[in-house]
PDB file of N, CA and C in Angstrom:
ATOM      1  N   MET A   1     143.976 147.070 123.910  1.00  0.00           N
ATOM      2  CA  MET A   1     143.386 146.682 122.651  1.00  0.00           C
ATOM      3  C   MET A   1     142.750 147.927 122.024  1.00  0.00           C
ATOM      4  N   THR A   2     143.028 148.150 120.768  1.00  0.00           N
ATOM      5  CA  THR A   2     142.480 149.317 120.077  1.00  0.00           C
ATOM      6  C   THR A   2     141.044 149.024 119.658  1.00  0.00           C
ATOM      7  N   PRO A   3     140.296 150.076 119.347  1.00  0.00           N
ATOM      8  CA  PRO A   3     138.903 149.853 118.902  1.00  0.00           C
ATOM      9  C   PRO A   3     138.823 148.964 117.667  1.00  0.00           C
ATOM     10  N   ASP A   4     139.755 149.107 116.737  1.00  0.00           N
ATOM     11  CA  ASP A   4     139.757 148.254 115.544  1.00  0.00           C
ATOM     12  C   ASP A   4     140.021 146.796 115.915  1.00  0.00           C
ATOM     13  N   GLU A   5     140.948 146.571 116.828  1.00  0.00           N
ATOM     14  CA  GLU A   5     141.236 145.202 117.274  1.00  0.00           C
ATOM     15  C   GLU A   5     140.033 144.605 117.984  1.00  0.00           C
ATOM     16  N   THR A   6     139.375 145.423 118.787  1.00  0.00           N
ATOM     17  CA  THR A   6     138.183 144.963 119.501  1.00  0.00           C
ATOM     18  C   THR A   6     137.081 144.598 118.511  1.00  0.00           C
ATOM     19  N   SER A   7     136.894 145.434 117.518  1.00  0.00           N
ATOM     20  CA  SER A   7     135.880 145.177 116.494  1.00  0.00           C
ATOM     21  C   SER A   7     136.199 143.891 115.728  1.00  0.00           C
ATOM     22  N   ASP A   8     137.454 143.729 115.341  1.00  0.00           N
ATOM     23  CA  ASP A   8     137.869 142.507 114.637  1.00  0.00           C
ATOM     24  C   ASP A   8     137.659 141.277 115.506  1.00  0.00           C
ATOM     25  N   HIS A   9     137.974 141.413 116.776  1.00  0.00           N
ATOM     26  CA  HIS A   9     137.813 140.296 117.711  1.00  0.00           C
ATOM     27  C   HIS A   9     136.336 139.917 117.822  1.00  0.00           C
ATOM     28  N   ILE A  10     135.466 140.900 117.926  1.00  0.00           N
ATOM     29  CA  ILE A  10     134.027 140.646 118.028  1.00  0.00           C
ATOM     30  C   ILE A  10     133.521 139.980 116.748  1.00  0.00           C
ATOM     31  N   ILE A  11     133.993 140.456 115.615  1.00  0.00           N
ATOM     32  CA  ILE A  11     133.573 139.864 114.332  1.00  0.00           C
ATOM     33  C   ILE A  11     134.000 138.404 114.258  1.00  0.00           C
ATOM     34  N   ARG A  12     135.234 138.114 114.669  1.00  0.00           N
ATOM     35  CA  ARG A  12     135.702 136.724 114.653  1.00  0.00           C
ATOM     36  C   ARG A  12     134.862 135.853 115.598  1.00  0.00           C
ATOM     37  N   LEU A  13     134.513 136.379 116.757  1.00  0.00           N
ATOM     38  CA  LEU A  13     133.676 135.622 117.702  1.00  0.00           C
ATOM     39  C   LEU A  13     132.284 135.378 117.118  1.00  0.00           C
ATOM     40  N   GLU A  14     131.711 136.402 116.486  1.00  0.00           N
ATOM     41  CA  GLU A  14     130.390 136.236 115.886  1.00  0.00           C
ATOM     42  C   GLU A  14     130.426 135.213 114.757  1.00  0.00           C
ATOM     43  N   MET A  15     131.488 135.218 113.985  1.00  0.00           N
ATOM     44  CA  MET A  15     131.619 134.234 112.910  1.00  0.00           C
ATOM     45  C   MET A  15     131.758 132.827 113.486  1.00  0.00           C
ATOM     46  N   ALA A  16     132.509 132.698 114.554  1.00  0.00           N
ATOM     47  CA  ALA A  16     132.678 131.386 115.188  1.00  0.00           C
ATOM     48  C   ALA A  16     131.347 130.886 115.733  1.00  0.00           C
ATOM     49  N   VAL A  17     130.570 131.768 116.353  1.00  0.00           N
ATOM     50  CA  VAL A  17     129.266 131.377 116.894  1.00  0.00           C
ATOM     51  C   VAL A  17     128.331 130.971 115.756  1.00  0.00           C
ATOM     52  N   ALA A  18     128.340 131.740 114.658  1.00  0.00           N
ATOM     53  CA  ALA A  18     127.487 131.402 113.511  1.00  0.00           C
ATOM     54  C   ALA A  18     127.872 130.039 112.949  1.00  0.00           C
ATOM     55  N   HIS A  19     129.159 129.765 112.863  1.00  0.00           N
ATOM     56  CA  HIS A  19     129.628 128.474 112.363  1.00  0.00           C
ATOM     57  C   HIS A  19     129.170 127.346 113.296  1.00  0.00           C
ATOM     58  N   LEU A  20     129.304 127.558 114.587  1.00  0.00           N
ATOM     59  CA  LEU A  20     128.879 126.542 115.558  1.00  0.00           C
ATOM     60  C   LEU A  20     127.371 126.313 115.494  1.00  0.00           C
ATOM     61  N   GLN A  21     126.595 127.382 115.308  1.00  0.00           N
ATOM     62  CA  GLN A  21     125.141 127.225 115.183  1.00  0.00           C
ATOM     63  C   GLN A  21     124.799 126.389 113.956  1.00  0.00           C
ATOM     64  N   HIS A  22     125.475 126.644 112.862  1.00  0.00           N
ATOM     65  CA  HIS A  22     125.246 125.878 111.632  1.00  0.00           C
ATOM     66  C   HIS A  22     125.589 124.398 111.845  1.00  0.00           C
ATOM     67  N   GLU A  23     126.723 124.144 112.466  1.00  0.00           N
ATOM     68  CA  GLU A  23     127.131 122.761 112.741  1.00  0.00           C
ATOM     69  C   GLU A  23     126.131 122.068 113.663  1.00  0.00           C
ATOM     70  N   LEU A  24     125.645 122.785 114.654  1.00  0.00           N
ATOM     71  CA  LEU A  24     124.670 122.222 115.588  1.00  0.00           C
ATOM     72  C   LEU A  24     123.373 121.870 114.863  1.00  0.00           C
ATOM     73  N   GLU A  25     122.920 122.728 113.960  1.00  0.00           N
ATOM     74  CA  GLU A  25     121.710 122.444 113.189  1.00  0.00           C
ATOM     75  C   GLU A  25     121.901 121.198 112.318  1.00  0.00           C
ATOM     76  N   GLN A  26     123.070 121.068 111.714  1.00  0.00           N
ATOM     77  CA  GLN A  26     123.339 119.879 110.897  1.00  0.00           C
ATOM     78  C   GLN A  26     123.360 118.619 111.756  1.00  0.00           C
ATOM     79  N   MET A  27     123.991 118.690 112.913  1.00  0.00           N
ATOM     80  CA  MET A  27     124.043 117.517 113.797  1.00  0.00           C
ATOM     81  C   MET A  27     122.643 117.158 114.277  1.00  0.00           C
ATOM     82  N   HIS A  28     121.814 118.157 114.529  1.00  0.00           N
ATOM     83  CA  HIS A  28     120.442 117.904 114.963  1.00  0.00           C
ATOM     84  C   HIS A  28     119.664 117.163 113.870  1.00  0.00           C
ATOM     85  N   SER A  29     119.833 117.591 112.629  1.00  0.00           N
ATOM     86  CA  SER A  29     119.160 116.924 111.509  1.00  0.00           C
ATOM     87  C   SER A  29     119.611 115.472 111.380  1.00  0.00           C
ATOM     88  N   VAL A  30     120.892 115.249 111.514  1.00  0.00           N
ATOM     89  CA  VAL A  30     121.426 113.888 111.432  1.00  0.00           C
ATOM     90  C   VAL A  30     120.884 113.049 112.584  1.00  0.00           C
ATOM     91  N   LEU A  31     120.843 113.620 113.771  1.00  0.00           N
ATOM     92  CA  LEU A  31     120.336 112.891 114.931  1.00  0.00           C
ATOM     93  C   LEU A  31     118.882 112.491 114.734  1.00  0.00           C
ATOM     94  N   LEU A  32     118.066 113.386 114.190  1.00  0.00           N
ATOM     95  CA  LEU A  32     116.663 113.048 113.934  1.00  0.00           C
ATOM     96  C   LEU A  32     116.549 111.908 112.928  1.00  0.00           C
ATOM     97  N   ALA A  33     117.378 111.933 111.893  1.00  0.00           N
ATOM     98  CA  ALA A  33     117.358 110.857 110.898  1.00  0.00           C
ATOM     99  C   ALA A  33     117.768 109.532 111.523  1.00  0.00           C
ATOM    100  N   VAL A  34     118.789 109.549 112.352  1.00  0.00           N
ATOM    101  CA  VAL A  34     119.261 108.323 112.998  1.00  0.00           C
ATOM    102  C   VAL A  34     118.194 107.787 113.957  1.00  0.00           C
ATOM    103  N   GLN A  35     117.513 108.687 114.668  1.00  0.00           N
ATOM    104  CA  GLN A  35     116.451 108.242 115.560  1.00  0.00           C
ATOM    105  C   GLN A  35     115.341 107.541 114.781  1.00  0.00           C
ATOM    106  N   GLY A  36     114.988 108.081 113.614  1.00  0.00           N
ATOM    107  CA  GLY A  36     113.960 107.446 112.786  1.00  0.00           C
ATOM    108  C   GLY A  36     114.391 106.070 112.323  1.00  0.00           C
ATOM    109  N   GLU A  37     115.629 105.952 111.898  1.00  0.00           N
ATOM    110  CA  GLU A  37     116.143 104.648 111.471  1.00  0.00           C
ATOM    111  C   GLU A  37     116.178 103.668 112.642  1.00  0.00           C
ATOM    112  N   LEU A  38     116.553 104.151 113.803  1.00  0.00           N
ATOM    113  CA  LEU A  38     116.614 103.291 114.991  1.00  0.00           C
ATOM    114  C   LEU A  38     115.227 102.786 115.353  1.00  0.00           C
ATOM    115  N   LYS A  39     114.235 103.652 115.271  1.00  0.00           N
ATOM    116  CA  LYS A  39     112.868 103.226 115.574  1.00  0.00           C
ATOM    117  C   LYS A  39     112.426 102.147 114.586  1.00  0.00           C
ATOM    118  N   GLY A  40     112.720 102.352 113.310  1.00  0.00           N
ATOM    119  CA  GLY A  40     112.371 101.348 112.305  1.00  0.00           C
ATOM    120  C   GLY A  40     113.061 100.031 112.567  1.00  0.00           C
ATOM    121  N   THR A  41     114.315 100.078 112.947  1.00  0.00           N
ATOM    122  CA  THR A  41     115.072  98.863 113.249  1.00  0.00           C
ATOM    123  C   THR A  41     114.485  98.159 114.473  1.00  0.00           C
ATOM    124  N   ARG A  42     114.144  98.927 115.492  1.00  0.00           N
ATOM    125  CA  ARG A  42     113.532  98.323 116.687  1.00  0.00           C
ATOM    126  C   ARG A  42     112.205  97.659 116.347  1.00  0.00           C
ATOM    127  N   ASP A  43     111.407  98.317 115.507  1.00  0.00           N
ATOM    128  CA  ASP A  43     110.124  97.729 115.102  1.00  0.00           C
ATOM    129  C   ASP A  43     110.346  96.410 114.366  1.00  0.00           C
ATOM    130  N   GLN A  44     111.323  96.392 113.467  1.00  0.00           N
ATOM    131  CA  GLN A  44     111.620  95.156 112.730  1.00  0.00           C
ATOM    132  C   GLN A  44     112.099  94.059 113.677  1.00  0.00           C
ATOM    133  N   ILE A  45     112.926  94.396 114.631  1.00  0.00           N
ATOM    134  CA  ILE A  45     113.405  93.409 115.605  1.00  0.00           C
ATOM    135  C   ILE A  45     112.247  92.848 116.411  1.00  0.00           C
ATOM    136  N   SER A  46     111.327  93.721 116.814  1.00  0.00           N
ATOM    137  CA  SER A  46     110.168  93.253 117.578  1.00  0.00           C
ATOM    138  C   SER A  46     109.325  92.280 116.764  1.00  0.00           C
ATOM    139  N   LYS A  47     109.115  92.592 115.496  1.00  0.00           N
ATOM    140  CA  LYS A  47     108.346  91.691 114.630  1.00  0.00           C
ATOM    141  C   LYS A  47     109.053  90.348 114.479  1.00  0.00           C
ATOM    142  N   LEU A  48     110.359  90.398 114.277  1.00  0.00           N
ATOM    143  CA  LEU A  48     111.119  89.155 114.140  1.00  0.00           C
ATOM    144  C   LEU A  48     111.093  88.344 115.433  1.00  0.00           C
ATOM    145  N   GLU A  49     111.186  89.007 116.578  1.00  0.00           N
ATOM    146  CA  GLU A  49     111.131  88.288 117.862  1.00  0.00           C
ATOM    147  C   GLU A  49     109.785  87.611 118.032  1.00  0.00           C
ATOM    148  N   ARG A  50     108.702  88.286 117.638  1.00  0.00           N
ATOM    149  CA  ARG A  50     107.374  87.662 117.730  1.00  0.00           C
ATOM    150  C   ARG A  50     107.284  86.436 116.827  1.00  0.00           C
ATOM    151  N   ARG A  51     107.839  86.574 115.622  1.00  0.00           N
ATOM    152  CA  ARG A  51     107.807  85.429 114.694  1.00  0.00           C
ATOM    153  C   ARG A  51     108.644  84.271 115.235  1.00  0.00           C
ATOM    154  N   ILE A  52     109.783  84.567 115.821  1.00  0.00           N
ATOM    155  CA  ILE A  52     110.633  83.523 116.400  1.00  0.00           C
ATOM    156  C   ILE A  52     109.893  82.839 117.544  1.00  0.00           C
ATOM    157  N   ASP A  53     109.219  83.612 118.387  1.00  0.00           N
ATOM    158  CA  ASP A  53     108.451  83.036 119.491  1.00  0.00           C
ATOM    159  C   ASP A  53     107.379  82.097 118.962  1.00  0.00           C
ATOM    160  N   ILE A  54     106.707  82.491 117.891  1.00  0.00           N
ATOM    161  CA  ILE A  54     105.654  81.654 117.311  1.00  0.00           C
ATOM    162  C   ILE A  54     106.247  80.355 116.784  1.00  0.00           C
ATOM    163  N   VAL A  55     107.358  80.455 116.088  1.00  0.00           N
ATOM    164  CA  VAL A  55     108.011  79.260 115.545  1.00  0.00           C
ATOM    165  C   VAL A  55     108.479  78.356 116.680  1.00  0.00           C
ATOM    166  N   ASN A  56     109.053  78.927 117.723  1.00  0.00           N
ATOM    167  CA  ASN A  56     109.534  78.130 118.854  1.00  0.00           C
ATOM    168  C   ASN A  56     108.393  77.444 119.593  1.00  0.00           C
ATOM    169  N   GLU A  57     107.220  78.039 119.575  1.00  0.00           N
ATOM    170  CA  GLU A  57     106.062  77.436 120.234  1.00  0.00           C
ATOM    171  C   GLU A  57     105.414  76.373 119.352  1.00  0.00           C
ATOM    172  N   GLY A  58     105.854  76.273 118.114  1.00  0.00           N
ATOM    173  CA  GLY A  58     105.305  75.268 117.207  1.00  0.00           C
ATOM    174  C   GLY A  58     103.989  75.669 116.595  1.00  0.00           C
ATOM    175  N   GLY A  59     103.588  76.888 116.776  1.00  0.00           N
ATOM    176  CA  GLY A  59     102.307  77.339 116.235  1.00  0.00           C
ATOM    177  C   GLY A  59     102.477  78.043 114.912  1.00  0.00           C
ATOM    178  N   GLN A  60     101.359  78.318 114.332  1.00  0.00           N
ATOM    179  CA  GLN A  60     101.341  79.075 113.089  1.00  0.00           C
ATOM    180  C   GLN A  60     101.144  80.546 113.418  1.00  0.00           C
ATOM    181  N   GLU A  61     101.733  81.369 112.595  1.00  0.00           N
ATOM    182  CA  GLU A  61     101.553  82.800 112.783  1.00  0.00           C
ATOM    183  C   GLU A  61     100.109  83.139 112.473  1.00  0.00           C
ATOM    184  N   ARG A  62      99.463  83.874 113.357  1.00  0.00           N
ATOM    185  CA  ARG A  62      98.059  84.209 113.179  1.00  0.00           C
ATOM    186  C   ARG A  62      97.911  85.705 112.997  1.00  0.00           C
ATOM    187  N   ASP A  63      96.924  86.054 112.209  1.00  0.00           N
ATOM    188  CA  ASP A  63      96.561  87.452 112.052  1.00  0.00           C
ATOM    189  C   ASP A  63      95.277  87.652 112.827  1.00  0.00           C
ATOM    190  N   ILE A  64      95.299  88.517 113.817  1.00  0.00           N
ATOM    191  CA  ILE A  64      94.140  88.711 114.677  1.00  0.00           C
ATOM    192  C   ILE A  64      92.926  89.173 113.874  1.00  0.00           C
ATOM    193  N   ASN A  65      93.140  89.805 112.727  1.00  0.00           N
ATOM    194  CA  ASN A  65      92.022  90.244 111.889  1.00  0.00           C
ATOM    195  C   ASN A  65      91.293  89.067 111.238  1.00  0.00           C
ATOM    196  N   ASP A  66      91.948  87.918 111.130  1.00  0.00           N
ATOM    197  CA  ASP A  66      91.325  86.727 110.541  1.00  0.00           C
ATOM    198  C   ASP A  66      90.528  85.924 111.561  1.00  0.00           C
ATOM    199  N   GLU A  67      90.714  86.218 112.836  1.00  0.00           N
ATOM    200  CA  GLU A  67      90.035  85.432 113.876  1.00  0.00           C
ATOM    201  C   GLU A  67      88.625  85.949 114.088  1.00  0.00           C
ATOM    202  N   LYS A  68      87.713  85.004 114.359  1.00  0.00           N
ATOM    203  CA  LYS A  68      86.328  85.373 114.646  1.00  0.00           C
ATOM    204  C   LYS A  68      86.194  85.665 116.141  1.00  0.00           C
ATOM    205  N   PRO A  69      85.348  86.602 116.481  1.00  0.00           N
ATOM    206  CA  PRO A  69      85.105  86.859 117.900  1.00  0.00           C
ATOM    207  C   PRO A  69      84.473  85.642 118.556  1.00  0.00           C
ATOM    208  N   PRO A  70      84.570  85.511 119.872  1.00  0.00           N
ATOM    209  CA  PRO A  70      84.080  84.302 120.579  1.00  0.00           C
ATOM    210  C   PRO A  70      82.581  84.062 120.411  1.00  0.00           C
ATOM    211  N   HIS A  71      81.766  85.053 120.130  1.00  0.00           N
ATOM    212  CA  HIS A  71      80.329  84.855 120.053  1.00  0.00           C
ATOM    213  C   HIS A  71      79.873  84.283 118.711  1.00  0.00           C
ATOM    214  N   TYR A  72      80.776  83.998 117.778  1.00  0.00           N
ATOM    215  CA  TYR A  72      80.388  83.404 116.498  1.00  0.00           C
ATOM    216  C   TYR A  72      80.354  81.922 116.568  1.00  0.00           C
TER     217      TYR A  72
END
């Protein structure tokens, strides 16, 4: 391999690595966004499950902030 071929080969490798780094950064950003959406979805599911449990028990949904402490 001549010095020019070696230099060209190194340049192509560096360009490939730079491209892969860029793609990895984009995938990381997408993954963070998906994780946030997943957390929101899980929170909504948990709230719905609690509401379903309340309905199945025949009770009314209560807000703990509306309840008086036992000493009142």
